[in-house]
Amino acid sequence: MEIPSGRWRRVHRLENEAVLERMATRVAARPGVLDVRRETVEHPFGSINQWMNQGAFLMRGLEKVRAEFSLTALAYSLRRAITVVSIPGMIPAVRA
C-alpha cells in the first residue's frame, strides 16, 4: 500500500455509495430477503443459460443486445408456458 505523499489525504467514494450503504442496511435488517430474490428472480436467467446455452450475447451494441435478449426471454416464456399449461391448454388462451 502506498502512503500518500501530499499534504492532504484523499477519500475515494463511489458516486452512489450512499445508495449501496442504504441497501446493505435494509438487507441486514431482513437477511432472508436475498434468498427469496435468488429463488424467484434469478431462476429464469439460470434456466436461459442452461437450456439455451446462452452464455454471452452474439450481437454487439445495446439495441441489438436488447433485441437478442427480448427474443431469448420470449422463447423462455413460451417454453415455460408450454411446460406449465401444455399446448392444448394454450390454444384457447392464445385465441382469446
N, C-alpha and C. Protein backbone atom coordinates (compact mmCIF):
# COMPACT_ATOMS: atom_id res chain seq x y z
N MET A 1 0.84 -1.17 0.00
CA MET A 1 0.00 0.00 0.00
C MET A 1 0.88 1.24 0.00
N GLU A 2 0.55 2.17 -0.85
CA GLU A 2 1.36 3.37 -1.00
C GLU A 2 0.88 4.44 -0.02
N ILE A 3 1.78 5.04 0.68
CA ILE A 3 1.45 6.11 1.62
C ILE A 3 1.36 7.41 0.83
N PRO A 4 0.27 8.18 1.03
CA PRO A 4 0.15 9.43 0.29
C PRO A 4 1.28 10.39 0.64
N SER A 5 1.85 10.99 -0.38
CA SER A 5 2.97 11.89 -0.16
C SER A 5 2.54 13.35 -0.06
N GLY A 6 1.32 13.64 -0.44
CA GLY A 6 0.84 15.01 -0.42
C GLY A 6 0.47 15.47 0.98
N ARG A 7 0.12 16.74 1.07
CA ARG A 7 -0.25 17.31 2.35
C ARG A 7 -1.64 16.85 2.79
N TRP A 8 -2.52 16.58 1.85
CA TRP A 8 -3.91 16.21 2.14
C TRP A 8 -4.15 14.75 1.83
N ARG A 9 -4.98 14.13 2.63
CA ARG A 9 -5.41 12.76 2.33
C ARG A 9 -6.66 12.84 1.47
N ARG A 10 -6.82 11.86 0.64
CA ARG A 10 -8.00 11.81 -0.22
C ARG A 10 -8.81 10.59 0.14
N VAL A 11 -10.11 10.78 0.23
CA VAL A 11 -11.03 9.68 0.49
C VAL A 11 -11.82 9.46 -0.80
N HIS A 12 -11.76 8.26 -1.31
CA HIS A 12 -12.45 7.94 -2.55
C HIS A 12 -13.75 7.20 -2.23
N ARG A 13 -14.84 7.69 -2.76
CA ARG A 13 -16.13 7.04 -2.62
C ARG A 13 -16.76 6.91 -4.00
N LEU A 14 -17.52 5.87 -4.17
CA LEU A 14 -18.27 5.74 -5.41
C LEU A 14 -19.33 6.83 -5.45
N GLU A 15 -19.76 7.14 -6.66
CA GLU A 15 -20.76 8.20 -6.82
C GLU A 15 -22.05 7.89 -6.08
N ASN A 16 -22.45 6.63 -6.10
CA ASN A 16 -23.71 6.24 -5.46
C ASN A 16 -23.46 5.31 -4.27
N GLU A 17 -22.40 5.53 -3.54
CA GLU A 17 -22.08 4.67 -2.41
C GLU A 17 -23.11 4.79 -1.29
N ALA A 18 -23.74 5.95 -1.15
CA ALA A 18 -24.78 6.12 -0.13
C ALA A 18 -25.95 5.18 -0.40
N VAL A 19 -26.27 4.98 -1.67
CA VAL A 19 -27.35 4.07 -2.03
C VAL A 19 -26.97 2.64 -1.65
N LEU A 20 -25.73 2.27 -1.91
CA LEU A 20 -25.26 0.93 -1.55
C LEU A 20 -25.30 0.71 -0.03
N GLU A 21 -24.95 1.73 0.72
CA GLU A 21 -24.99 1.62 2.17
C GLU A 21 -26.42 1.45 2.68
N ARG A 22 -27.37 2.21 2.10
CA ARG A 22 -28.78 2.05 2.49
C ARG A 22 -29.28 0.65 2.16
N MET A 23 -28.89 0.14 1.01
CA MET A 23 -29.29 -1.21 0.62
C MET A 23 -28.70 -2.24 1.59
N ALA A 24 -27.46 -2.09 1.96
CA ALA A 24 -26.82 -3.02 2.90
C ALA A 24 -27.53 -2.99 4.25
N THR A 25 -27.98 -1.81 4.68
CA THR A 25 -28.72 -1.69 5.94
C THR A 25 -30.05 -2.43 5.85
N ARG A 26 -30.75 -2.26 4.72
CA ARG A 26 -32.05 -2.94 4.55
C ARG A 26 -31.87 -4.45 4.50
N VAL A 27 -30.83 -4.91 3.82
CA VAL A 27 -30.58 -6.36 3.73
C VAL A 27 -30.21 -6.92 5.11
N ALA A 28 -29.44 -6.17 5.88
CA ALA A 28 -29.06 -6.63 7.22
C ALA A 28 -30.28 -6.74 8.13
N ALA A 29 -31.28 -5.87 7.91
CA ALA A 29 -32.49 -5.92 8.72
C ALA A 29 -33.36 -7.12 8.36
N ARG A 30 -33.29 -7.56 7.10
CA ARG A 30 -34.09 -8.71 6.64
C ARG A 30 -33.18 -9.68 5.89
N PRO A 31 -32.46 -10.53 6.60
CA PRO A 31 -31.45 -11.37 5.94
C PRO A 31 -32.03 -12.40 4.97
N GLY A 32 -33.27 -12.80 5.13
CA GLY A 32 -33.84 -13.82 4.24
C GLY A 32 -34.32 -13.28 2.91
N VAL A 33 -34.35 -11.96 2.75
CA VAL A 33 -34.91 -11.38 1.54
C VAL A 33 -34.06 -11.73 0.30
N LEU A 34 -32.75 -11.85 0.44
CA LEU A 34 -31.92 -12.20 -0.71
C LEU A 34 -32.15 -13.64 -1.16
N ASP A 35 -32.45 -14.54 -0.23
CA ASP A 35 -32.75 -15.92 -0.61
C ASP A 35 -34.02 -15.98 -1.45
N VAL A 36 -35.03 -15.22 -1.04
CA VAL A 36 -36.28 -15.18 -1.81
C VAL A 36 -36.03 -14.61 -3.20
N ARG A 37 -35.22 -13.57 -3.27
CA ARG A 37 -34.91 -12.97 -4.56
C ARG A 37 -34.18 -13.96 -5.46
N ARG A 38 -33.22 -14.67 -4.89
CA ARG A 38 -32.48 -15.65 -5.67
C ARG A 38 -33.40 -16.72 -6.23
N GLU A 39 -34.35 -17.16 -5.43
CA GLU A 39 -35.24 -18.23 -5.86
C GLU A 39 -36.21 -17.79 -6.93
N THR A 40 -36.65 -16.53 -6.90
CA THR A 40 -37.69 -16.10 -7.84
C THR A 40 -37.13 -15.35 -9.04
N VAL A 41 -36.26 -14.42 -8.82
CA VAL A 41 -35.82 -13.53 -9.90
C VAL A 41 -34.70 -14.14 -10.72
N GLU A 42 -33.76 -14.79 -10.09
CA GLU A 42 -32.60 -15.26 -10.82
C GLU A 42 -32.80 -16.61 -11.49
N HIS A 43 -33.87 -17.29 -11.17
CA HIS A 43 -34.15 -18.59 -11.79
C HIS A 43 -34.25 -18.52 -13.30
N PRO A 44 -35.00 -17.55 -13.87
CA PRO A 44 -35.08 -17.51 -15.34
C PRO A 44 -33.72 -17.35 -16.01
N PHE A 45 -32.84 -16.54 -15.43
CA PHE A 45 -31.54 -16.33 -16.06
C PHE A 45 -30.69 -17.60 -16.03
N GLY A 46 -30.75 -18.33 -14.93
CA GLY A 46 -30.04 -19.60 -14.86
C GLY A 46 -30.60 -20.61 -15.84
N SER A 47 -31.92 -20.63 -15.96
CA SER A 47 -32.56 -21.55 -16.91
C SER A 47 -32.20 -21.19 -18.34
N ILE A 48 -32.19 -19.89 -18.66
CA ILE A 48 -31.82 -19.47 -20.01
C ILE A 48 -30.39 -19.91 -20.31
N ASN A 49 -29.49 -19.72 -19.36
CA ASN A 49 -28.10 -20.12 -19.58
C ASN A 49 -27.99 -21.62 -19.78
N GLN A 50 -28.75 -22.40 -19.01
CA GLN A 50 -28.63 -23.85 -19.08
C GLN A 50 -29.36 -24.42 -20.29
N TRP A 51 -30.61 -24.06 -20.49
CA TRP A 51 -31.41 -24.65 -21.55
C TRP A 51 -30.98 -24.19 -22.94
N MET A 52 -30.66 -22.93 -23.05
CA MET A 52 -30.44 -22.36 -24.38
C MET A 52 -28.98 -22.08 -24.67
N ASN A 53 -28.09 -22.52 -23.79
CA ASN A 53 -26.66 -22.30 -23.99
C ASN A 53 -26.35 -20.83 -24.25
N GLN A 54 -27.05 -19.96 -23.53
CA GLN A 54 -26.92 -18.52 -23.73
C GLN A 54 -25.90 -17.97 -22.75
N GLY A 55 -24.62 -18.13 -23.04
CA GLY A 55 -23.59 -17.65 -22.15
C GLY A 55 -23.27 -16.20 -22.38
N ALA A 56 -23.02 -15.82 -23.61
CA ALA A 56 -22.72 -14.43 -23.96
C ALA A 56 -23.61 -14.03 -25.12
N PHE A 57 -23.81 -12.76 -25.26
CA PHE A 57 -24.63 -12.29 -26.37
C PHE A 57 -23.85 -12.39 -27.67
N LEU A 58 -24.55 -12.72 -28.73
CA LEU A 58 -23.91 -12.87 -30.04
C LEU A 58 -23.79 -11.53 -30.75
N MET A 59 -24.70 -10.61 -30.44
CA MET A 59 -24.72 -9.31 -31.10
C MET A 59 -23.89 -8.30 -30.30
N ARG A 60 -23.56 -7.20 -30.92
CA ARG A 60 -22.84 -6.11 -30.27
C ARG A 60 -23.68 -4.84 -30.41
N GLY A 61 -23.62 -4.00 -29.43
CA GLY A 61 -24.40 -2.77 -29.42
C GLY A 61 -25.64 -2.95 -28.55
N LEU A 62 -25.99 -1.90 -27.81
CA LEU A 62 -27.06 -2.01 -26.84
C LEU A 62 -28.40 -2.37 -27.47
N GLU A 63 -28.77 -1.75 -28.57
CA GLU A 63 -30.06 -2.04 -29.21
C GLU A 63 -30.12 -3.48 -29.69
N LYS A 64 -29.05 -3.97 -30.27
CA LYS A 64 -29.03 -5.35 -30.78
C LYS A 64 -29.06 -6.35 -29.63
N VAL A 65 -28.34 -6.06 -28.55
CA VAL A 65 -28.34 -6.95 -27.39
C VAL A 65 -29.72 -6.98 -26.75
N ARG A 66 -30.39 -5.81 -26.67
CA ARG A 66 -31.75 -5.78 -26.14
C ARG A 66 -32.69 -6.63 -26.98
N ALA A 67 -32.56 -6.53 -28.30
CA ALA A 67 -33.40 -7.34 -29.18
C ALA A 67 -33.11 -8.82 -29.00
N GLU A 68 -31.85 -9.17 -28.90
CA GLU A 68 -31.47 -10.58 -28.72
C GLU A 68 -32.02 -11.11 -27.40
N PHE A 69 -31.89 -10.33 -26.33
CA PHE A 69 -32.41 -10.78 -25.04
C PHE A 69 -33.92 -10.86 -25.06
N SER A 70 -34.59 -9.93 -25.74
CA SER A 70 -36.05 -9.99 -25.83
C SER A 70 -36.51 -11.28 -26.50
N LEU A 71 -35.83 -11.66 -27.57
CA LEU A 71 -36.17 -12.93 -28.24
C LEU A 71 -35.90 -14.12 -27.34
N THR A 72 -34.78 -14.08 -26.62
CA THR A 72 -34.46 -15.17 -25.70
C THR A 72 -35.49 -15.26 -24.59
N ALA A 73 -35.90 -14.11 -24.03
CA ALA A 73 -36.91 -14.10 -22.97
C ALA A 73 -38.25 -14.59 -23.48
N LEU A 74 -38.60 -14.23 -24.72
CA LEU A 74 -39.85 -14.71 -25.32
C LEU A 74 -39.81 -16.22 -25.49
N ALA A 75 -38.69 -16.75 -25.97
CA ALA A 75 -38.56 -18.20 -26.11
C ALA A 75 -38.66 -18.89 -24.76
N TYR A 76 -38.02 -18.31 -23.74
CA TYR A 76 -38.10 -18.88 -22.38
C TYR A 76 -39.54 -18.87 -21.88
N SER A 77 -40.24 -17.75 -22.07
CA SER A 77 -41.63 -17.65 -21.60
C SER A 77 -42.54 -18.65 -22.31
N LEU A 78 -42.35 -18.80 -23.61
CA LEU A 78 -43.16 -19.78 -24.34
C LEU A 78 -42.87 -21.20 -23.87
N ARG A 79 -41.62 -21.48 -23.65
CA ARG A 79 -41.25 -22.82 -23.18
C ARG A 79 -41.85 -23.11 -21.81
N ARG A 80 -41.79 -22.12 -20.90
CA ARG A 80 -42.39 -22.29 -19.56
C ARG A 80 -43.89 -22.45 -19.66
N ALA A 81 -44.54 -21.66 -20.53
CA ALA A 81 -45.99 -21.77 -20.68
C ALA A 81 -46.38 -23.14 -21.21
N ILE A 82 -45.62 -23.66 -22.16
CA ILE A 82 -45.91 -24.99 -22.68
C ILE A 82 -45.74 -26.04 -21.59
N THR A 83 -44.71 -25.87 -20.75
CA THR A 83 -44.47 -26.82 -19.67
C THR A 83 -45.58 -26.76 -18.61
N VAL A 84 -46.00 -25.56 -18.26
CA VAL A 84 -46.97 -25.39 -17.17
C VAL A 84 -48.39 -25.66 -17.64
N VAL A 85 -48.77 -25.10 -18.78
CA VAL A 85 -50.17 -25.17 -19.22
C VAL A 85 -50.39 -26.29 -20.24
N SER A 86 -49.42 -26.63 -21.01
CA SER A 86 -49.44 -27.58 -22.12
C SER A 86 -50.01 -26.90 -23.37
N ILE A 87 -49.70 -27.45 -24.51
CA ILE A 87 -50.10 -26.85 -25.77
C ILE A 87 -51.63 -26.83 -25.92
N PRO A 88 -52.34 -27.94 -25.61
CA PRO A 88 -53.81 -27.85 -25.73
C PRO A 88 -54.41 -26.79 -24.80
N GLY A 89 -53.82 -26.54 -23.67
CA GLY A 89 -54.33 -25.51 -22.78
C GLY A 89 -53.98 -24.10 -23.26
N MET A 90 -52.90 -23.96 -24.04
CA MET A 90 -52.51 -22.65 -24.52
C MET A 90 -53.31 -22.18 -25.71
N ILE A 91 -53.80 -23.11 -26.52
CA ILE A 91 -54.52 -22.72 -27.76
C ILE A 91 -55.71 -21.83 -27.45
N PRO A 92 -56.61 -22.17 -26.50
CA PRO A 92 -57.71 -21.26 -26.21
C PRO A 92 -57.23 -19.91 -25.64
N ALA A 93 -56.15 -19.93 -24.89
CA ALA A 93 -55.64 -18.69 -24.31
C ALA A 93 -55.09 -17.77 -25.39
N VAL A 94 -54.46 -18.34 -26.40
CA VAL A 94 -53.90 -17.53 -27.49
C VAL A 94 -55.02 -16.99 -28.37
N ARG A 95 -56.06 -17.75 -28.55
CA ARG A 95 -57.18 -17.30 -29.39
C ARG A 95 -57.95 -16.16 -28.73
N ALA A 96 -57.91 -16.09 -27.41
CA ALA A 96 -58.71 -15.05 -26.70
C ALA A 96 -58.15 -13.67 -26.86
